[in-house]
Protein backbone atom coordinates (compact mmCIF):
# COMPACT_ATOMS: atom_id res chain seq x y z
CA MET A 1 63.71 66.14 76.08
CA SER A 2 66.31 66.77 78.72
CA GLY A 3 69.94 67.40 77.90
CA SER A 4 70.79 64.10 79.57
CA TYR A 5 68.91 62.26 76.81
CA TRP A 6 71.11 63.70 74.09
CA ARG A 7 74.26 63.33 76.15
CA GLN A 8 73.48 59.64 76.30
CA VAL A 9 72.97 59.54 72.53
CA HIS A 10 76.39 61.12 72.06
CA ALA A 11 77.93 58.74 74.59
CA GLU A 12 76.62 55.83 72.53
CA GLY A 13 78.34 57.04 69.39
CA LEU A 14 75.38 58.94 67.95
CA ALA A 15 73.47 55.80 67.06
CA VAL A 16 69.88 56.68 66.17
CA PRO A 17 67.72 56.05 69.25
CA SER A 18 65.11 53.35 68.84
CA ASP A 19 62.73 54.64 71.51
CA ARG A 20 61.40 57.59 69.49
CA PRO A 21 60.39 58.14 65.85
CA LEU A 22 63.04 59.68 63.62
CA ASP A 23 60.75 62.53 62.58
CA GLU A 24 60.23 63.47 66.23
CA LEU A 25 63.97 63.39 66.91
CA THR A 26 64.64 65.47 63.80
CA ALA A 27 62.07 68.09 64.74
CA GLU A 28 63.65 68.44 68.16
CA LEU A 29 67.14 68.73 66.73
CA THR A 30 65.94 71.32 64.23
CA ARG A 31 64.50 73.45 67.01
CA MET A 32 67.78 73.13 68.89
CA LEU A 33 69.65 74.55 65.89
CA GLY A 34 68.19 77.92 66.85
CA ASP A 35 68.87 77.65 70.56
CA PRO A 36 71.07 80.44 71.99
CA ASP A 37 72.78 77.85 74.19
CA PRO A 38 75.86 76.75 72.22
CA ALA A 39 75.96 73.42 74.06
CA LEU A 40 72.58 72.52 72.60
CA ARG A 41 73.03 74.14 69.20
CA ASP A 42 76.68 73.70 68.28
CA GLY A 43 77.52 70.87 70.64
CA THR A 44 74.45 68.67 70.25
CA ALA A 45 72.05 69.41 67.39
CA TYR A 46 74.54 70.26 64.66
CA PRO A 47 76.92 67.31 65.11
CA THR A 48 74.01 64.90 65.51
CA LEU A 49 72.29 65.97 62.31
CA THR A 50 75.51 66.06 60.29
CA THR A 51 76.59 62.64 61.53
CA TRP A 52 73.25 61.10 60.66
CA ILE A 53 73.33 62.70 57.22
CA GLU A 54 76.84 61.37 56.58
CA ARG A 55 75.83 57.89 57.74
CA GLY A 56 72.90 57.81 55.35
CA VAL A 57 70.18 57.91 57.98
CA TYR A 58 68.31 60.50 55.93
CA ASP A 59 69.04 59.14 52.46
CA ASP A 60 65.37 58.42 51.77
CA LEU A 61 64.32 61.68 53.44
CA LEU A 62 67.05 64.00 52.22
CA ALA A 63 64.80 66.24 50.12
CA GLY A 64 62.45 66.85 53.03
CA LEU A 65 65.27 67.48 55.48
CA GLY A 66 66.91 69.96 53.14
CA ASP A 67 63.62 71.72 52.50
CA GLY A 68 63.19 72.11 56.25
CA MET A 69 66.65 73.64 56.54
CA ALA A 70 65.89 75.98 53.64
CA MET A 71 62.81 77.17 55.53
CA GLY A 72 65.06 77.83 58.52
CA LEU A 73 66.96 80.39 56.44
CA LEU A 74 63.89 82.63 56.58
CA VAL A 75 63.39 82.62 60.34
CA GLY A 76 63.78 86.23 61.45
CA ILE A 77 65.47 87.26 58.20
CA GLY A 78 66.32 90.96 58.24
CA GLU A 79 66.74 91.07 62.01
CA ARG A 80 70.01 92.18 63.55
CA ASP A 81 71.56 91.28 66.88
CA THR A 82 68.77 88.86 67.81
CA ASP A 83 68.89 85.15 68.57
CA THR A 84 67.12 84.22 65.32
CA VAL A 85 70.49 84.38 63.57
CA PHE A 86 71.44 81.02 65.07
CA ARG A 87 68.59 79.19 63.34
CA ARG A 88 69.42 80.79 59.99
CA SER A 89 73.15 80.29 60.25
CA PHE A 90 73.07 76.68 61.40
CA SER A 91 70.30 75.81 58.95
CA ALA A 92 72.73 76.92 56.21
CA LEU A 93 75.39 74.56 57.55
CA VAL A 94 73.04 71.59 57.70
CA LEU A 95 71.65 72.35 54.25
CA GLY A 96 75.25 72.30 53.05
CA GLU A 97 75.61 68.85 54.59
CA CYS A 98 72.54 67.70 52.65
CA ILE A 99 74.17 68.90 49.43
CA ALA A 100 77.45 67.24 50.45
CA ARG A 101 75.63 63.93 50.87
CA ASP A 102 74.27 64.22 47.35
CA ASN A 103 77.76 65.03 46.10
CA VAL A 104 79.01 61.73 47.54
CA ARG A 105 75.98 59.63 46.68
CA PRO A 106 73.62 61.05 44.05
CA LEU A 107 70.18 60.96 45.62
CA LEU A 108 68.37 64.02 44.32
CA PRO A 109 67.47 65.57 40.98
CA GLY A 110 69.57 68.49 39.87
CA GLY A 111 66.59 70.80 40.12
CA LYS A 112 66.39 70.28 43.87
CA ILE A 113 70.07 71.13 44.37
CA LEU A 114 69.70 74.24 42.23
CA GLU A 115 66.62 75.24 44.23
CA TRP A 116 68.56 74.92 47.46
CA GLY A 117 71.41 76.88 45.93
CA ASP A 118 69.05 79.69 45.02
CA ARG A 119 67.64 79.79 48.53
CA LEU A 120 71.11 79.74 50.09
CA THR A 121 72.42 82.58 47.95
CA THR A 122 69.28 84.66 48.40
CA TRP A 123 69.54 84.29 52.17
CA LEU A 124 73.26 85.08 52.25
CA LEU A 125 72.71 88.37 50.46
CA ARG A 126 69.75 89.26 52.67
CA GLU A 127 71.48 88.39 55.96
CA ARG A 128 71.97 91.48 58.07
CA ASP A 129 73.28 89.97 61.31
CA LEU A 130 77.03 89.93 60.69
CA ARG A 131 78.16 88.94 64.16
CA GLY A 132 80.82 86.26 64.39
CA PHE A 133 81.31 85.12 67.96
CA VAL A 134 78.59 86.21 70.37
CA PRO A 135 79.77 86.30 74.01
CA GLY A 136 77.84 83.82 76.11
CA LYS A 137 76.08 82.33 73.08
CA GLY A 138 78.87 81.11 70.83
CA TRP A 139 79.12 81.34 67.08
CA ALA A 140 76.52 83.12 64.97
CA HIS A 141 78.83 83.40 61.95
CA GLY A 142 76.13 83.75 59.31
CA VAL A 143 78.45 84.90 56.51
CA ALA A 144 81.07 82.27 57.29
CA HIS A 145 78.50 79.48 57.44
CA GLY A 146 76.98 80.74 54.22
CA ALA A 147 80.42 80.62 52.61
CA ASP A 148 80.87 77.05 53.86
CA ALA A 149 77.58 76.06 52.23
CA LEU A 150 78.65 77.73 48.97
CA THR A 151 81.88 75.73 49.07
CA VAL A 152 79.93 72.47 49.15
CA LEU A 153 77.49 73.72 46.53
CA ALA A 154 80.36 74.62 44.19
CA ARG A 155 81.44 70.96 44.22
CA SER A 156 78.03 69.69 43.09
CA PRO A 157 78.05 68.09 39.64
CA HIS A 158 74.64 69.69 39.09
CA LEU A 159 76.29 73.11 38.76
CA ALA A 160 77.88 74.05 35.45
CA THR A 161 79.60 77.22 34.24
CA PRO A 162 76.54 79.52 34.43
CA GLU A 163 75.65 78.48 37.97
CA LEU A 164 79.26 78.65 39.16
CA THR A 165 79.56 82.13 37.69
CA VAL A 166 76.51 83.13 39.72
CA LEU A 167 78.21 81.85 42.88
CA LEU A 168 81.19 84.12 42.16
CA ASP A 169 78.83 87.05 41.70
CA VAL A 170 77.18 86.23 45.03
CA VAL A 171 80.57 86.28 46.75
CA ALA A 172 81.34 89.67 45.22
CA ASP A 173 77.90 91.04 46.07
CA ARG A 174 78.26 89.90 49.69
CA LEU A 175 81.67 91.57 49.96
CA LEU A 176 80.41 94.83 48.51
CA LEU A 177 77.19 95.18 50.49
CA PRO A 178 77.15 98.15 52.89
CA VAL A 179 78.09 97.13 56.43
CA ASP A 180 78.38 98.82 59.79
CA ARG A 181 81.08 96.41 60.99
CA LEU A 182 83.88 94.74 59.08
CA PHE A 183 84.19 90.97 58.98
CA SER A 184 86.51 90.03 61.81
CA ASN A 185 86.13 86.29 62.38
CA GLY A 186 87.61 84.72 59.27
CA GLU A 187 84.73 85.48 56.90
CA PRO A 188 87.01 86.73 54.06
CA ASP A 189 89.01 83.50 54.30
CA ARG A 190 85.88 81.37 54.15
CA LEU A 191 84.57 83.34 51.16
CA ALA A 192 87.93 82.94 49.47
CA PHE A 193 87.80 79.19 50.12
CA ALA A 194 84.36 79.06 48.47
CA THR A 195 85.84 80.94 45.53
CA VAL A 196 88.69 78.46 45.20
CA ALA A 197 86.12 75.63 45.21
CA VAL A 198 84.52 77.28 42.17
CA LEU A 199 87.90 77.80 40.50
CA ARG A 200 88.87 74.15 41.01
CA ARG A 201 86.01 73.13 38.75
CA ASN A 202 88.10 74.63 35.93
CA VAL A 203 85.10 75.67 33.86
CA VAL A 204 84.89 79.42 34.50
CA PRO A 205 87.11 81.15 31.93
CA LEU A 206 89.66 83.85 32.63
CA GLN A 207 87.68 86.40 30.61
CA VAL A 208 84.95 86.06 33.25
CA LEU A 209 87.31 86.02 36.22
CA GLU A 210 89.34 89.10 35.31
CA PRO A 211 86.44 91.60 35.41
CA TRP A 212 85.10 89.84 38.49
CA ILE A 213 88.36 90.45 40.36
CA ALA A 214 88.53 93.99 38.98
CA ARG A 215 85.10 94.72 40.43
CA ILE A 216 86.23 93.63 43.89
CA ALA A 217 89.52 95.52 43.55
CA ALA A 218 87.67 98.72 42.67
CA ALA A 219 85.80 98.49 45.96
CA ALA A 220 88.90 97.48 47.90
CA GLY A 221 90.63 100.69 46.88
CA THR A 222 87.74 102.90 47.99
CA ARG A 223 87.61 104.82 51.24
CA ALA A 224 84.68 106.75 52.65
CA GLY A 225 84.95 110.35 53.71
CA TYR A 226 86.12 111.23 57.20
CA ASP A 227 82.81 111.64 58.93
CA GLU A 228 81.44 109.66 61.85
CA ARG A 229 81.85 106.33 60.03
CA ASP A 230 85.00 104.29 59.69
CA PRO A 231 86.40 105.03 56.19
CA TYR A 232 87.45 101.39 55.84
CA LEU A 233 83.87 100.17 56.01
CA VAL A 234 83.49 100.76 52.26
CA GLY A 235 86.34 98.61 51.00
CA GLY A 236 87.76 96.77 53.98
CA ASN A 237 85.96 93.47 53.42
CA ALA A 238 86.93 93.41 49.74
CA GLU A 239 90.55 94.17 50.57
CA ALA A 240 90.72 91.39 53.17
CA PHE A 241 89.18 89.00 50.65
CA LEU A 242 91.79 89.73 47.98
CA ARG A 243 94.56 89.01 50.45
CA ALA A 244 92.88 85.75 51.50
CA LEU A 245 92.38 84.72 47.89
CA TYR A 246 96.04 85.41 47.08
CA LEU A 247 97.15 83.34 50.07
CA GLN A 248 94.98 80.38 49.14
CA LEU A 249 95.92 80.45 45.47
CA SER A 250 99.61 80.71 46.36
CA LEU A 251 99.81 78.05 49.06
CA GLY A 252 96.70 75.90 48.72
CA SER A 253 96.73 72.32 47.55
CA ARG A 254 94.98 71.21 44.34
CA PRO A 255 95.43 74.53 42.56
CA PRO A 256 93.04 75.39 39.73
CA GLN A 257 94.40 75.15 36.19
CA LEU A 258 94.36 78.93 35.86
CA ARG A 259 96.30 79.54 39.06
CA SER A 260 99.29 81.24 37.42
CA ASP A 261 97.13 83.60 35.40
CA LEU A 262 94.85 84.27 38.36
CA LEU A 263 97.76 85.05 40.63
CA LEU A 264 98.97 87.72 38.22
CA VAL A 265 95.52 89.29 38.18
CA VAL A 266 95.18 89.18 41.98
CA VAL A 267 98.70 90.55 42.48
CA ASP A 268 97.88 93.49 40.22
CA ALA A 269 94.70 94.06 42.22
CA LEU A 270 96.63 94.00 45.48
CA LYS A 271 99.25 96.41 44.14
CA SER A 272 96.58 98.85 43.02
CA THR A 273 94.83 98.77 46.39
CA ASN A 274 97.97 98.76 48.56
CA HIS A 275 100.20 101.16 46.63
CA GLY A 276 101.11 102.97 49.83
CA TYR A 277 102.86 99.86 51.04
CA LEU A 278 103.97 98.29 47.75
CA GLY A 279 104.82 101.33 45.62
CA ALA A 280 108.32 101.85 44.30
CA THR A 281 108.88 104.86 46.56
CA GLY A 282 107.84 103.03 49.73
CA GLU A 283 110.45 102.66 52.44
């Protein structure tokens, strides 16, 4: 359909049109999630789908919609610097909205949410297109959108301590994967926010969290040799994450019960990885 059709839908407050079947509208919006035109993808398809999910339009169809978004995570997986990233990245956001709807109004069995969580985390670790903002095409932001979906997933009552611990491991794994460009569009902050969502559940013990932070800190303090690659590529993402996590634990609202203990652990990690700036002999 023409862009004027959807502009009219938005002008009418995103009421579901009555002149076309919902499945046809949904299929069109799903295709638009992968469009390189940000006006269609980010300005039309994404807000329409999320609004309809929030309003309960898909309550009886939520499992099917989420399954379709999970399939979108596989479109072009492994490609880099191609337009397929938009379908994957925005499918992750909409799948997160499906989980958020279940968080507000339980509609699905726990097994379905856990299945979606497995597919989200598998995709996030396989994603190789790390671009944030793409000139002329808008946001790709695969890692950030994946982190946003993990944040919603962490709030699901279907996840208990073992599953939440897995989410923390996924965050660490994503931070420590080899990259050829550092995150530069807020990805460490979004991953830290997902981490805080896990911590706010107050079910992952400190004896799990301490070695988890130590693993990230060990990478953050590592530099590659001075060859043709940027030495900071090895530990730069982990270092930025620790700073973001410290900031959110220090200043964020609704702190987790272990905030004081966690802050001590994170501060020690930051001191060990920034001794050139924080050491006693620094000037």
